[in-house]
Amino acid sequence: GAVTVLLFTPHAAQKVTVDSLTGMK
């Protein structure tokens, strides 16, 4: 049950999402 909660925890209301992450940008 604890592992299931871990794997399927709802993500935060995504006001911010990652588009790309390359190096320092």
mmCIF file of all heavy atoms, coordinates in Angstrom:
data_MODEL
# 
_entry.id   MODEL 
# 
loop_
_atom_site.group_PDB 
_atom_site.id 
_atom_site.type_symbol 
_atom_site.label_atom_id 
_atom_site.label_alt_id 
_atom_site.label_comp_id 
_atom_site.label_asym_id 
_atom_site.label_entity_id 
_atom_site.label_seq_id 
_atom_site.pdbx_PDB_ins_code 
_atom_site.Cartn_x 
_atom_site.Cartn_y 
_atom_site.Cartn_z 
_atom_site.occupancy 
_atom_site.B_iso_or_equiv 
_atom_site.pdbx_formal_charge 
_atom_site.auth_seq_id 
_atom_site.auth_comp_id 
_atom_site.auth_asym_id 
_atom_site.auth_atom_id 
_atom_site.pdbx_PDB_model_num 
ATOM 1   N N   . GLY A 1 1  ? 0.818  -1.211 0.000   1.00 0.00 ? 1  GLY A N   1 
ATOM 2   C CA  . GLY A 1 1  ? 0.000  0.000  0.000   1.00 0.00 ? 1  GLY A CA  1 
ATOM 3   C C   . GLY A 1 1  ? 0.844  1.250  0.000   1.00 0.00 ? 1  GLY A C   1 
ATOM 4   O O   . GLY A 1 1  ? 0.562  2.214  -0.738  1.00 0.00 ? 1  GLY A O   1 
ATOM 5   N N   . ALA A 1 2  ? 1.907  1.259  0.816   1.00 0.00 ? 2  ALA A N   1 
ATOM 6   C CA  . ALA A 1 2  ? 2.775  2.434  0.861   1.00 0.00 ? 2  ALA A CA  1 
ATOM 7   C C   . ALA A 1 2  ? 3.476  2.653  -0.481  1.00 0.00 ? 2  ALA A C   1 
ATOM 8   O O   . ALA A 1 2  ? 3.600  3.785  -0.950  1.00 0.00 ? 2  ALA A O   1 
ATOM 9   C CB  . ALA A 1 2  ? 3.805  2.266  1.980   1.00 0.00 ? 2  ALA A CB  1 
ATOM 10  N N   . VAL A 1 3  ? 3.927  1.561  -1.112  1.00 0.00 ? 3  VAL A N   1 
ATOM 11  C CA  . VAL A 1 3  ? 4.593  1.680  -2.412  1.00 0.00 ? 3  VAL A CA  1 
ATOM 12  C C   . VAL A 1 3  ? 3.604  2.171  -3.471  1.00 0.00 ? 3  VAL A C   1 
ATOM 13  O O   . VAL A 1 3  ? 3.945  2.987  -4.337  1.00 0.00 ? 3  VAL A O   1 
ATOM 14  C CB  . VAL A 1 3  ? 5.212  0.337  -2.813  1.00 0.00 ? 3  VAL A CB  1 
ATOM 15  C CG1 . VAL A 1 3  ? 5.750  0.402  -4.241  1.00 0.00 ? 3  VAL A CG1 1 
ATOM 16  C CG2 . VAL A 1 3  ? 6.334  -0.043 -1.855  1.00 0.00 ? 3  VAL A CG2 1 
ATOM 17  N N   . THR A 1 4  ? 2.364  1.671  -3.413  1.00 0.00 ? 4  THR A N   1 
ATOM 18  C CA  . THR A 1 4  ? 1.345  2.120  -4.365  1.00 0.00 ? 4  THR A CA  1 
ATOM 19  C C   . THR A 1 4  ? 1.069  3.607  -4.216  1.00 0.00 ? 4  THR A C   1 
ATOM 20  O O   . THR A 1 4  ? 0.949  4.342  -5.209  1.00 0.00 ? 4  THR A O   1 
ATOM 21  C CB  . THR A 1 4  ? 0.039  1.328  -4.164  1.00 0.00 ? 4  THR A CB  1 
ATOM 22  O OG1 . THR A 1 4  ? 0.313  -0.073 -4.322  1.00 0.00 ? 4  THR A OG1 1 
ATOM 23  C CG2 . THR A 1 4  ? -1.023 1.752  -5.172  1.00 0.00 ? 4  THR A CG2 1 
ATOM 24  N N   . VAL A 1 5  ? 0.976  4.056  -2.966  1.00 0.00 ? 5  VAL A N   1 
ATOM 25  C CA  . VAL A 1 5  ? 0.790  5.488  -2.717  1.00 0.00 ? 5  VAL A CA  1 
ATOM 26  C C   . VAL A 1 5  ? 1.961  6.270  -3.295  1.00 0.00 ? 5  VAL A C   1 
ATOM 27  O O   . VAL A 1 5  ? 1.780  7.346  -3.880  1.00 0.00 ? 5  VAL A O   1 
ATOM 28  C CB  . VAL A 1 5  ? 0.651  5.750  -1.200  1.00 0.00 ? 5  VAL A CB  1 
ATOM 29  C CG1 . VAL A 1 5  ? 0.732  7.240  -0.896  1.00 0.00 ? 5  VAL A CG1 1 
ATOM 30  C CG2 . VAL A 1 5  ? -0.673 5.197  -0.694  1.00 0.00 ? 5  VAL A CG2 1 
ATOM 31  N N   . LEU A 1 6  ? 3.175  5.707  -3.137  1.00 0.00 ? 6  LEU A N   1 
ATOM 32  C CA  . LEU A 1 6  ? 4.363  6.378  -3.658  1.00 0.00 ? 6  LEU A CA  1 
ATOM 33  C C   . LEU A 1 6  ? 4.322  6.491  -5.175  1.00 0.00 ? 6  LEU A C   1 
ATOM 34  O O   . LEU A 1 6  ? 4.547  7.562  -5.749  1.00 0.00 ? 6  LEU A O   1 
ATOM 35  C CB  . LEU A 1 6  ? 5.616  5.612  -3.218  1.00 0.00 ? 6  LEU A CB  1 
ATOM 36  C CG  . LEU A 1 6  ? 6.932  5.966  -3.905  1.00 0.00 ? 6  LEU A CG  1 
ATOM 37  C CD1 . LEU A 1 6  ? 7.330  7.390  -3.577  1.00 0.00 ? 6  LEU A CD1 1 
ATOM 38  C CD2 . LEU A 1 6  ? 8.028  4.995  -3.489  1.00 0.00 ? 6  LEU A CD2 1 
ATOM 39  N N   . LEU A 1 7  ? 4.007  5.384  -5.845  1.00 0.00 ? 7  LEU A N   1 
ATOM 40  C CA  . LEU A 1 7  ? 4.075  5.362  -7.310  1.00 0.00 ? 7  LEU A CA  1 
ATOM 41  C C   . LEU A 1 7  ? 2.928  6.124  -7.967  1.00 0.00 ? 7  LEU A C   1 
ATOM 42  O O   . LEU A 1 7  ? 3.098  6.677  -9.057  1.00 0.00 ? 7  LEU A O   1 
ATOM 43  C CB  . LEU A 1 7  ? 4.084  3.912  -7.803  1.00 0.00 ? 7  LEU A CB  1 
ATOM 44  C CG  . LEU A 1 7  ? 5.308  3.076  -7.413  1.00 0.00 ? 7  LEU A CG  1 
ATOM 45  C CD1 . LEU A 1 7  ? 5.145  1.656  -7.917  1.00 0.00 ? 7  LEU A CD1 1 
ATOM 46  C CD2 . LEU A 1 7  ? 6.582  3.693  -7.949  1.00 0.00 ? 7  LEU A CD2 1 
ATOM 47  N N   . PHE A 1 8  ? 1.763  6.156  -7.307  1.00 0.00 ? 8  PHE A N   1 
ATOM 48  C CA  . PHE A 1 8  ? 0.597  6.767  -7.936  1.00 0.00 ? 8  PHE A CA  1 
ATOM 49  C C   . PHE A 1 8  ? 0.129  8.027  -7.211  1.00 0.00 ? 8  PHE A C   1 
ATOM 50  O O   . PHE A 1 8  ? -1.031 8.399  -7.306  1.00 0.00 ? 8  PHE A O   1 
ATOM 51  C CB  . PHE A 1 8  ? -0.552 5.748  -8.006  1.00 0.00 ? 8  PHE A CB  1 
ATOM 52  C CG  . PHE A 1 8  ? -0.255 4.582  -8.913  1.00 0.00 ? 8  PHE A CG  1 
ATOM 53  C CD1 . PHE A 1 8  ? 0.321  3.421  -8.410  1.00 0.00 ? 8  PHE A CD1 1 
ATOM 54  C CD2 . PHE A 1 8  ? -0.525 4.669  -10.267 1.00 0.00 ? 8  PHE A CD2 1 
ATOM 55  C CE1 . PHE A 1 8  ? 0.596  2.342  -9.236  1.00 0.00 ? 8  PHE A CE1 1 
ATOM 56  C CE2 . PHE A 1 8  ? -0.250 3.599  -11.107 1.00 0.00 ? 8  PHE A CE2 1 
ATOM 57  C CZ  . PHE A 1 8  ? 0.315  2.424  -10.590 1.00 0.00 ? 8  PHE A CZ  1 
ATOM 58  N N   . THR A 1 9  ? 1.051  8.658  -6.473  1.00 0.00 ? 9  THR A N   1 
ATOM 59  C CA  . THR A 1 9  ? 0.717  9.917  -5.817  1.00 0.00 ? 9  THR A CA  1 
ATOM 60  C C   . THR A 1 9  ? 0.362  10.958 -6.867  1.00 0.00 ? 9  THR A C   1 
ATOM 61  O O   . THR A 1 9  ? 1.094  11.128 -7.846  1.00 0.00 ? 9  THR A O   1 
ATOM 62  C CB  . THR A 1 9  ? 1.915  10.411 -4.981  1.00 0.00 ? 9  THR A CB  1 
ATOM 63  O OG1 . THR A 1 9  ? 2.149  9.480  -3.927  1.00 0.00 ? 9  THR A OG1 1 
ATOM 64  C CG2 . THR A 1 9  ? 1.619  11.775 -4.380  1.00 0.00 ? 9  THR A CG2 1 
ATOM 65  N N   . PRO A 1 10 ? -0.745 11.657 -6.687  1.00 0.00 ? 10 PRO A N   1 
ATOM 66  C CA  . PRO A 1 10 ? -1.108 12.701 -7.656  1.00 0.00 ? 10 PRO A CA  1 
ATOM 67  C C   . PRO A 1 10 ? -0.038 13.779 -7.721  1.00 0.00 ? 10 PRO A C   1 
ATOM 68  O O   . PRO A 1 10 ? 0.529  14.167 -6.702  1.00 0.00 ? 10 PRO A O   1 
ATOM 69  C CB  . PRO A 1 10 ? -2.424 13.263 -7.099  1.00 0.00 ? 10 PRO A CB  1 
ATOM 70  C CG  . PRO A 1 10 ? -2.934 12.212 -6.179  1.00 0.00 ? 10 PRO A CG  1 
ATOM 71  C CD  . PRO A 1 10 ? -1.728 11.522 -5.617  1.00 0.00 ? 10 PRO A CD  1 
ATOM 72  N N   . HIS A 1 11 ? 0.251  14.231 -8.901  1.00 0.00 ? 11 HIS A N   1 
ATOM 73  C CA  . HIS A 1 11 ? 1.200  15.322 -9.065  1.00 0.00 ? 11 HIS A CA  1 
ATOM 74  C C   . HIS A 1 11 ? 0.537  16.627 -8.659  1.00 0.00 ? 11 HIS A C   1 
ATOM 75  O O   . HIS A 1 11 ? -0.675 16.778 -8.702  1.00 0.00 ? 11 HIS A O   1 
ATOM 76  C CB  . HIS A 1 11 ? 1.690  15.408 -10.513 1.00 0.00 ? 11 HIS A CB  1 
ATOM 77  C CG  . HIS A 1 11 ? 2.471  14.204 -10.946 1.00 0.00 ? 11 HIS A CG  1 
ATOM 78  N ND1 . HIS A 1 11 ? 3.728  13.921 -10.460 1.00 0.00 ? 11 HIS A ND1 1 
ATOM 79  C CD2 . HIS A 1 11 ? 2.159  13.195 -11.795 1.00 0.00 ? 11 HIS A CD2 1 
ATOM 80  C CE1 . HIS A 1 11 ? 4.171  12.802 -11.009 1.00 0.00 ? 11 HIS A CE1 1 
ATOM 81  N NE2 . HIS A 1 11 ? 3.237  12.339 -11.822 1.00 0.00 ? 11 HIS A NE2 1 
ATOM 82  N N   . ALA A 1 12 ? 1.367  17.548 -8.250  1.00 0.00 ? 12 ALA A N   1 
ATOM 83  C CA  . ALA A 1 12 ? 0.835  18.856 -7.877  1.00 0.00 ? 12 ALA A CA  1 
ATOM 84  C C   . ALA A 1 12 ? 0.120  19.472 -9.061  1.00 0.00 ? 12 ALA A C   1 
ATOM 85  O O   . ALA A 1 12 ? 0.424  19.198 -10.212 1.00 0.00 ? 12 ALA A O   1 
ATOM 86  C CB  . ALA A 1 12 ? 1.979  19.770 -7.418  1.00 0.00 ? 12 ALA A CB  1 
ATOM 87  N N   . ALA A 1 13 ? -0.866 20.314 -8.746  1.00 0.00 ? 13 ALA A N   1 
ATOM 88  C CA  . ALA A 1 13 ? -1.578 21.026 -9.800  1.00 0.00 ? 13 ALA A CA  1 
ATOM 89  C C   . ALA A 1 13 ? -0.541 21.768 -10.633 1.00 0.00 ? 13 ALA A C   1 
ATOM 90  O O   . ALA A 1 13 ? 0.115  22.683 -10.151 1.00 0.00 ? 13 ALA A O   1 
ATOM 91  C CB  . ALA A 1 13 ? -2.575 21.996 -9.196  1.00 0.00 ? 13 ALA A CB  1 
ATOM 92  N N   . GLN A 1 14 ? -0.361 21.332 -11.853 1.00 0.00 ? 14 GLN A N   1 
ATOM 93  C CA  . GLN A 1 14 ? 0.789  21.763 -12.630 1.00 0.00 ? 14 GLN A CA  1 
ATOM 94  C C   . GLN A 1 14 ? 0.616  23.161 -13.187 1.00 0.00 ? 14 GLN A C   1 
ATOM 95  O O   . GLN A 1 14 ? 0.225  23.358 -14.330 1.00 0.00 ? 14 GLN A O   1 
ATOM 96  C CB  . GLN A 1 14 ? 1.059  20.763 -13.764 1.00 0.00 ? 14 GLN A CB  1 
ATOM 97  C CG  . GLN A 1 14 ? 1.550  19.404 -13.310 1.00 0.00 ? 14 GLN A CG  1 
ATOM 98  C CD  . GLN A 1 14 ? 2.913  19.485 -12.647 1.00 0.00 ? 14 GLN A CD  1 
ATOM 99  O OE1 . GLN A 1 14 ? 3.724  20.329 -12.994 1.00 0.00 ? 14 GLN A OE1 1 
ATOM 100 N NE2 . GLN A 1 14 ? 3.166  18.608 -11.704 1.00 0.00 ? 14 GLN A NE2 1 
ATOM 101 N N   . LYS A 1 15 ? 0.917  24.152 -12.341 1.00 0.00 ? 15 LYS A N   1 
ATOM 102 C CA  . LYS A 1 15 ? 1.011  25.519 -12.835 1.00 0.00 ? 15 LYS A CA  1 
ATOM 103 C C   . LYS A 1 15 ? 2.333  25.703 -13.581 1.00 0.00 ? 15 LYS A C   1 
ATOM 104 O O   . LYS A 1 15 ? 2.479  26.607 -14.374 1.00 0.00 ? 15 LYS A O   1 
ATOM 105 C CB  . LYS A 1 15 ? 0.928  26.508 -11.667 1.00 0.00 ? 15 LYS A CB  1 
ATOM 106 C CG  . LYS A 1 15 ? -0.401 26.476 -10.923 1.00 0.00 ? 15 LYS A CG  1 
ATOM 107 C CD  . LYS A 1 15 ? -0.405 27.473 -9.782  1.00 0.00 ? 15 LYS A CD  1 
ATOM 108 C CE  . LYS A 1 15 ? -1.724 27.429 -9.030  1.00 0.00 ? 15 LYS A CE  1 
ATOM 109 N NZ  . LYS A 1 15 ? -1.749 28.359 -7.880  1.00 0.00 ? 15 LYS A NZ  1 
ATOM 110 N N   . VAL A 1 16 ? 3.302  24.831 -13.263 1.00 0.00 ? 16 VAL A N   1 
ATOM 111 C CA  . VAL A 1 16 ? 4.617  24.911 -13.891 1.00 0.00 ? 16 VAL A CA  1 
ATOM 112 C C   . VAL A 1 16 ? 5.000  23.524 -14.395 1.00 0.00 ? 16 VAL A C   1 
ATOM 113 O O   . VAL A 1 16 ? 4.898  22.552 -13.668 1.00 0.00 ? 16 VAL A O   1 
ATOM 114 C CB  . VAL A 1 16 ? 5.683  25.421 -12.898 1.00 0.00 ? 16 VAL A CB  1 
ATOM 115 C CG1 . VAL A 1 16 ? 7.042  25.487 -13.581 1.00 0.00 ? 16 VAL A CG1 1 
ATOM 116 C CG2 . VAL A 1 16 ? 5.288  26.768 -12.345 1.00 0.00 ? 16 VAL A CG2 1 
ATOM 117 N N   . THR A 1 17 ? 5.391  23.431 -15.634 1.00 0.00 ? 17 THR A N   1 
ATOM 118 C CA  . THR A 1 17 ? 5.857  22.156 -16.187 1.00 0.00 ? 17 THR A CA  1 
ATOM 119 C C   . THR A 1 17 ? 7.178  22.375 -16.903 1.00 0.00 ? 17 THR A C   1 
ATOM 120 O O   . THR A 1 17 ? 7.452  23.443 -17.439 1.00 0.00 ? 17 THR A O   1 
ATOM 121 C CB  . THR A 1 17 ? 4.839  21.586 -17.189 1.00 0.00 ? 17 THR A CB  1 
ATOM 122 O OG1 . THR A 1 17 ? 4.622  22.544 -18.220 1.00 0.00 ? 17 THR A OG1 1 
ATOM 123 C CG2 . THR A 1 17 ? 3.522  21.268 -16.508 1.00 0.00 ? 17 THR A CG2 1 
ATOM 124 N N   . VAL A 1 18 ? 8.003  21.347 -16.923 1.00 0.00 ? 18 VAL A N   1 
ATOM 125 C CA  . VAL A 1 18 ? 9.308  21.447 -17.583 1.00 0.00 ? 18 VAL A CA  1 
ATOM 126 C C   . VAL A 1 18 ? 9.140  21.202 -19.071 1.00 0.00 ? 18 VAL A C   1 
ATOM 127 O O   . VAL A 1 18 ? 8.561  20.202 -19.481 1.00 0.00 ? 18 VAL A O   1 
ATOM 128 C CB  . VAL A 1 18 ? 10.290 20.416 -16.993 1.00 0.00 ? 18 VAL A CB  1 
ATOM 129 C CG1 . VAL A 1 18 ? 11.625 20.486 -17.733 1.00 0.00 ? 18 VAL A CG1 1 
ATOM 130 C CG2 . VAL A 1 18 ? 10.497 20.699 -15.513 1.00 0.00 ? 18 VAL A CG2 1 
ATOM 131 N N   . ASP A 1 19 ? 9.650  22.117 -19.870 1.00 0.00 ? 19 ASP A N   1 
ATOM 132 C CA  . ASP A 1 19 ? 9.636  21.931 -21.320 1.00 0.00 ? 19 ASP A CA  1 
ATOM 133 C C   . ASP A 1 19 ? 10.932 21.281 -21.774 1.00 0.00 ? 19 ASP A C   1 
ATOM 134 O O   . ASP A 1 19 ? 10.936 20.344 -22.550 1.00 0.00 ? 19 ASP A O   1 
ATOM 135 C CB  . ASP A 1 19 ? 9.433  23.270 -22.015 1.00 0.00 ? 19 ASP A CB  1 
ATOM 136 C CG  . ASP A 1 19 ? 9.489  23.143 -23.526 1.00 0.00 ? 19 ASP A CG  1 
ATOM 137 O OD1 . ASP A 1 19 ? 8.723  22.328 -24.059 1.00 0.00 ? 19 ASP A OD1 1 
ATOM 138 O OD2 . ASP A 1 19 ? 10.291 23.839 -24.147 1.00 0.00 ? 19 ASP A OD2 1 
ATOM 139 N N   . SER A 1 20 ? 12.023 21.771 -21.249 1.00 0.00 ? 20 SER A N   1 
ATOM 140 C CA  . SER A 1 20 ? 13.309 21.168 -21.596 1.00 0.00 ? 20 SER A CA  1 
ATOM 141 C C   . SER A 1 20 ? 14.330 21.533 -20.539 1.00 0.00 ? 20 SER A C   1 
ATOM 142 O O   . SER A 1 20 ? 14.236 22.569 -19.903 1.00 0.00 ? 20 SER A O   1 
ATOM 143 C CB  . SER A 1 20 ? 13.794 21.653 -22.974 1.00 0.00 ? 20 SER A CB  1 
ATOM 144 O OG  . SER A 1 20 ? 14.040 23.054 -22.927 1.00 0.00 ? 20 SER A OG  1 
ATOM 145 N N   . LEU A 1 21 ? 15.288 20.649 -20.363 1.00 0.00 ? 21 LEU A N   1 
ATOM 146 C CA  . LEU A 1 21 ? 16.378 20.893 -19.416 1.00 0.00 ? 21 LEU A CA  1 
ATOM 147 C C   . LEU A 1 21 ? 17.656 20.426 -20.075 1.00 0.00 ? 21 LEU A C   1 
ATOM 148 O O   . LEU A 1 21 ? 17.882 19.246 -20.257 1.00 0.00 ? 21 LEU A O   1 
ATOM 149 C CB  . LEU A 1 21 ? 16.148 20.135 -18.111 1.00 0.00 ? 21 LEU A CB  1 
ATOM 150 C CG  . LEU A 1 21 ? 17.284 20.204 -17.074 1.00 0.00 ? 21 LEU A CG  1 
ATOM 151 C CD1 . LEU A 1 21 ? 17.516 21.642 -16.634 1.00 0.00 ? 21 LEU A CD1 1 
ATOM 152 C CD2 . LEU A 1 21 ? 16.974 19.330 -15.888 1.00 0.00 ? 21 LEU A CD2 1 
ATOM 153 N N   . THR A 1 22 ? 18.486 21.361 -20.495 1.00 0.00 ? 22 THR A N   1 
ATOM 154 C CA  . THR A 1 22 ? 19.742 21.018 -21.150 1.00 0.00 ? 22 THR A CA  1 
ATOM 155 C C   . THR A 1 22 ? 20.856 21.823 -20.510 1.00 0.00 ? 22 THR A C   1 
ATOM 156 O O   . THR A 1 22 ? 20.885 23.045 -20.585 1.00 0.00 ? 22 THR A O   1 
ATOM 157 C CB  . THR A 1 22 ? 19.680 21.339 -22.653 1.00 0.00 ? 22 THR A CB  1 
ATOM 158 O OG1 . THR A 1 22 ? 19.346 22.726 -22.808 1.00 0.00 ? 22 THR A OG1 1 
ATOM 159 C CG2 . THR A 1 22 ? 18.647 20.485 -23.353 1.00 0.00 ? 22 THR A CG2 1 
ATOM 160 N N   . GLY A 1 23 ? 21.760 21.096 -19.864 1.00 0.00 ? 23 GLY A N   1 
ATOM 161 C CA  . GLY A 1 23 ? 22.903 21.768 -19.268 1.00 0.00 ? 23 GLY A CA  1 
ATOM 162 C C   . GLY A 1 23 ? 22.487 22.758 -18.194 1.00 0.00 ? 23 GLY A C   1 
ATOM 163 O O   . GLY A 1 23 ? 21.901 22.403 -17.184 1.00 0.00 ? 23 GLY A O   1 
ATOM 164 N N   . MET A 1 24 ? 22.758 24.020 -18.428 1.00 0.00 ? 24 MET A N   1 
ATOM 165 C CA  . MET A 1 24 ? 22.521 25.050 -17.436 1.00 0.00 ? 24 MET A CA  1 
ATOM 166 C C   . MET A 1 24 ? 21.304 25.904 -17.784 1.00 0.00 ? 24 MET A C   1 
ATOM 167 O O   . MET A 1 24 ? 21.084 26.947 -17.202 1.00 0.00 ? 24 MET A O   1 
ATOM 168 C CB  . MET A 1 24 ? 23.759 25.960 -17.312 1.00 0.00 ? 24 MET A CB  1 
ATOM 169 C CG  . MET A 1 24 ? 24.163 26.622 -18.616 1.00 0.00 ? 24 MET A CG  1 
ATOM 170 S SD  . MET A 1 24 ? 25.754 27.487 -18.487 1.00 0.00 ? 24 MET A SD  1 
ATOM 171 C CE  . MET A 1 24 ? 25.944 28.089 -20.169 1.00 0.00 ? 24 MET A CE  1 
ATOM 172 N N   . LYS A 1 25 ? 20.493 25.472 -18.739 1.00 0.00 ? 25 LYS A N   1 
ATOM 173 C CA  . LYS A 1 25 ? 19.348 26.257 -19.178 1.00 0.00 ? 25 LYS A CA  1 
ATOM 174 C C   . LYS A 1 25 ? 18.062 25.484 -18.932 1.00 0.00 ? 25 LYS A C   1 
ATOM 175 O O   . LYS A 1 25 ? 17.940 24.324 -19.320 1.00 0.00 ? 25 LYS A O   1 
ATOM 176 C CB  . LYS A 1 25 ? 19.478 26.594 -20.667 1.00 0.00 ? 25 LYS A CB  1 
ATOM 177 C CG  . LYS A 1 25 ? 18.318 27.420 -21.212 1.00 0.00 ? 25 LYS A CG  1 
ATOM 178 C CD  . LYS A 1 25 ? 18.541 27.737 -22.687 1.00 0.00 ? 25 LYS A CD  1 
ATOM 179 C CE  . LYS A 1 25 ? 17.380 28.524 -23.266 1.00 0.00 ? 25 LYS A CE  1 
ATOM 180 N NZ  . LYS A 1 25 ? 17.581 28.825 -24.705 1.00 0.00 ? 25 LYS A NZ  1 
# 
